[in-house]
């Protein structure tokens, strides 16, 4: 969450307005003002998120289910690969950022897909698609082709339910 003012500069006029705002600020030693300048990093789009949940995870889950591939548990039960479970597996595989140590135990920390840039999210999707092919020989086809075109159109218009990543 950003507090205060946040400017995105795309034009000379926007730059001029930002400079005028900076000129108007009155520095105060007791209440300093922070200014950060850097490239804008836009997080993944809602359409990318819909694609992940409404197509990629759904398609992987469907193909695993059709192939009868389940998770065998120590207690003798078997569980399907749900979209939510796949999401956790792929976060652990591709989004680990480090670990914290406390009382002799280690906990791995993962990035959220909501914090990925558009480019990072696209790379994450390709990592997932490549992994499921290498591990299970599952191909997640491009939904813009053939019979999938209708489904993709529904997704891009927001007609399918999905969960946030």
Protein backbone atom coordinates (compact mmCIF):
# COMPACT_ATOMS: atom_id res chain seq x y z
CA UNK A 1 0.00 0.00 0.00
CA UNK A 2 1.42 3.35 -1.03
CA UNK A 3 0.71 6.28 1.24
CA UNK A 4 1.00 9.84 0.02
CA UNK A 5 1.34 10.76 -3.61
CA UNK A 6 2.32 8.50 -6.48
CA UNK A 7 2.95 9.80 -9.98
CA UNK A 8 3.34 7.99 -13.25
CA UNK A 9 5.14 10.11 -15.81
CA UNK A 10 4.49 9.42 -19.46
CA UNK A 11 4.48 12.90 -20.94
CA UNK A 12 6.47 16.09 -20.63
CA UNK A 13 3.38 17.82 -19.16
CA UNK A 14 3.16 15.19 -16.41
CA UNK A 15 6.85 15.67 -15.66
CA UNK A 16 6.35 19.47 -15.47
CA UNK A 17 3.43 19.04 -13.06
CA UNK A 18 5.45 16.66 -10.86
CA UNK A 19 8.38 19.09 -10.75
CA UNK A 20 6.02 21.94 -9.79
CA UNK A 21 4.61 19.78 -6.96
CA UNK A 22 8.13 19.00 -5.74
CA UNK A 23 9.04 22.71 -5.84
CA UNK A 24 6.01 23.51 -3.67
CA UNK A 25 7.02 21.09 -0.91
CA UNK A 26 8.44 22.64 2.25
CA UNK A 27 11.22 20.46 3.68
CA UNK A 28 10.98 19.83 7.42
CA UNK A 29 13.78 18.13 9.38
CA UNK A 30 11.22 16.62 11.77
CA UNK A 31 9.00 15.26 8.98
CA UNK A 32 11.22 14.30 6.05
CA UNK A 33 9.70 13.47 2.68
CA UNK A 34 10.84 10.48 0.66
CA UNK A 35 11.02 10.64 -3.12
CA UNK A 36 11.59 7.48 -5.14
CA UNK A 37 12.15 7.52 -8.89
CA UNK A 38 12.26 4.34 -10.94
CA UNK A 39 10.61 2.43 -13.74
CA UNK A 40 6.94 1.54 -13.32
CA UNK A 41 6.46 -2.16 -12.72
CA UNK A 42 2.92 -3.17 -13.47
CA UNK A 43 1.66 -6.29 -11.73
CA UNK A 44 0.04 -9.08 -13.63
CA UNK A 45 -3.33 -8.31 -15.15
CA UNK A 46 -6.69 -9.72 -14.10
CA UNK A 47 -6.87 -11.40 -17.51
CA UNK A 48 -3.57 -13.17 -16.82
CA UNK A 49 -4.98 -14.31 -13.47
CA UNK A 50 -8.17 -15.57 -15.14
CA UNK A 51 -6.04 -17.45 -17.64
CA UNK A 52 -4.01 -19.07 -14.83
CA UNK A 53 -7.01 -20.18 -12.76
CA UNK A 54 -9.69 -20.57 -15.40
CA UNK A 55 -7.57 -22.30 -18.02
CA UNK A 56 -4.07 -23.47 -17.03
CA UNK A 57 -4.80 -24.93 -13.56
CA UNK A 58 -8.23 -26.15 -14.66
CA UNK A 59 -6.76 -27.90 -17.70
CA UNK A 60 -3.95 -29.53 -15.70
CA UNK A 61 -6.41 -30.69 -13.04
CA UNK A 62 -8.78 -32.08 -15.69
CA UNK A 63 -6.04 -33.99 -17.50
CA UNK A 64 -4.64 -35.45 -14.27
CA UNK A 65 -8.14 -36.51 -13.23
CA UNK A 66 -8.83 -38.12 -16.62
CA UNK A 67 -5.53 -40.00 -16.42
CA UNK A 68 -6.37 -41.21 -12.91
CA UNK A 69 -3.34 -39.47 -11.42
CA UNK A 70 -3.97 -38.71 -7.75
CA UNK A 71 -1.94 -37.99 -4.64
CA UNK A 72 -1.48 -41.14 -2.54
CA UNK A 73 -1.34 -40.26 1.15
CA UNK A 74 0.31 -42.09 4.05
CA UNK A 75 -3.10 -42.96 5.53
CA UNK A 76 -4.07 -44.89 2.40
CA UNK A 77 -6.37 -42.22 0.99
CA UNK A 78 -5.98 -40.61 -2.39
CA UNK A 79 -6.66 -36.99 -3.25
CA UNK A 80 -7.14 -35.25 -6.60
CA UNK A 81 -4.92 -32.45 -7.84
CA UNK A 82 -7.23 -29.46 -7.39
CA UNK A 83 -6.51 -26.02 -8.83
CA UNK A 84 -5.72 -24.74 -5.32
CA UNK A 85 -3.31 -27.60 -4.64
CA UNK A 86 -1.61 -27.14 -8.00
CA UNK A 87 -1.20 -23.44 -7.21
CA UNK A 88 0.58 -24.25 -3.94
CA UNK A 89 2.80 -26.84 -5.63
CA UNK A 90 3.87 -24.43 -8.37
CA UNK A 91 4.45 -21.57 -5.91
CA UNK A 92 6.82 -23.87 -4.01
CA UNK A 93 8.51 -24.97 -7.22
CA UNK A 94 8.89 -21.57 -8.90
CA UNK A 95 8.27 -18.73 -6.43
CA UNK A 96 10.45 -19.52 -3.40
CA UNK A 97 12.33 -16.40 -2.30
CA UNK A 98 14.10 -17.63 0.79
CA UNK A 99 13.58 -19.09 4.20
CA UNK A 100 13.36 -17.97 7.78
CA UNK A 101 14.97 -19.82 10.64
CA UNK A 102 13.53 -19.97 14.12
CA UNK A 103 14.11 -22.40 16.99
CA UNK A 104 16.02 -24.80 14.76
CA UNK A 105 13.27 -24.97 12.15
CA UNK A 106 13.16 -23.54 8.67
CA UNK A 107 10.14 -22.16 6.85
CA UNK A 108 10.32 -21.34 3.16
CA UNK A 109 8.77 -18.06 2.03
CA UNK A 110 7.11 -17.73 -1.36
CA UNK A 111 6.16 -14.81 -3.61
CA UNK A 112 2.50 -14.32 -4.41
CA UNK A 113 1.46 -14.39 -8.04
CA UNK A 114 -0.41 -11.13 -7.35
CA UNK A 115 2.95 -9.38 -6.89
CA UNK A 116 4.52 -10.62 -10.11
CA UNK A 117 4.97 -8.18 -12.97
CA UNK A 118 3.30 -8.97 -16.27
CA UNK A 119 6.59 -10.35 -17.60
CA UNK A 120 7.34 -12.39 -14.46
CA UNK A 121 3.81 -13.80 -14.53
CA UNK A 122 4.19 -14.83 -18.18
CA UNK A 123 7.48 -16.55 -17.29
CA UNK A 124 5.75 -18.28 -14.34
CA UNK A 125 3.03 -19.58 -16.68
CA UNK A 126 5.63 -20.92 -19.09
CA UNK A 127 7.53 -22.56 -16.20
CA UNK A 128 4.28 -24.28 -15.12
CA UNK A 129 3.45 -25.43 -18.65
CA UNK A 130 6.99 -26.74 -19.19
CA UNK A 131 7.03 -28.53 -15.81
CA UNK A 132 3.70 -30.34 -16.29
CA UNK A 133 4.84 -31.51 -19.71
CA UNK A 134 8.21 -32.77 -18.40
CA UNK A 135 6.74 -34.34 -15.24
CA UNK A 136 3.36 -35.73 -16.39
CA UNK A 137 3.54 -35.33 -20.20
CA UNK A 138 0.54 -32.98 -19.98
CA UNK A 139 0.26 -30.33 -22.65
CA UNK A 140 -1.63 -27.15 -21.82
CA UNK A 141 -2.68 -25.97 -25.26
CA UNK A 142 -3.05 -22.38 -26.32
CA UNK A 143 -6.75 -21.53 -25.82
CA UNK A 144 -6.73 -19.18 -28.81
CA UNK A 145 -6.76 -22.15 -31.17
CA UNK A 146 -9.49 -24.53 -32.32
CA UNK A 147 -12.22 -25.60 -29.92
CA UNK A 148 -10.64 -23.66 -27.09
CA UNK A 149 -11.23 -20.28 -28.71
CA UNK A 150 -14.82 -20.12 -27.33
CA UNK A 151 -13.66 -20.92 -23.80
CA UNK A 152 -10.93 -18.27 -23.97
CA UNK A 153 -13.47 -15.71 -25.18
CA UNK A 154 -15.66 -16.47 -22.15
CA UNK A 155 -12.67 -16.14 -19.83
CA UNK A 156 -11.58 -12.82 -21.26
CA UNK A 157 -15.10 -11.46 -20.76
CA UNK A 158 -15.06 -12.63 -17.13
CA UNK A 159 -17.81 -15.25 -17.41
CA UNK A 160 -15.92 -18.01 -15.65
CA UNK A 161 -15.39 -18.23 -11.90
CA UNK A 162 -11.80 -18.12 -10.76
CA UNK A 163 -9.79 -17.72 -7.61
CA UNK A 164 -7.18 -15.06 -7.00
CA UNK A 165 -3.54 -16.12 -6.94
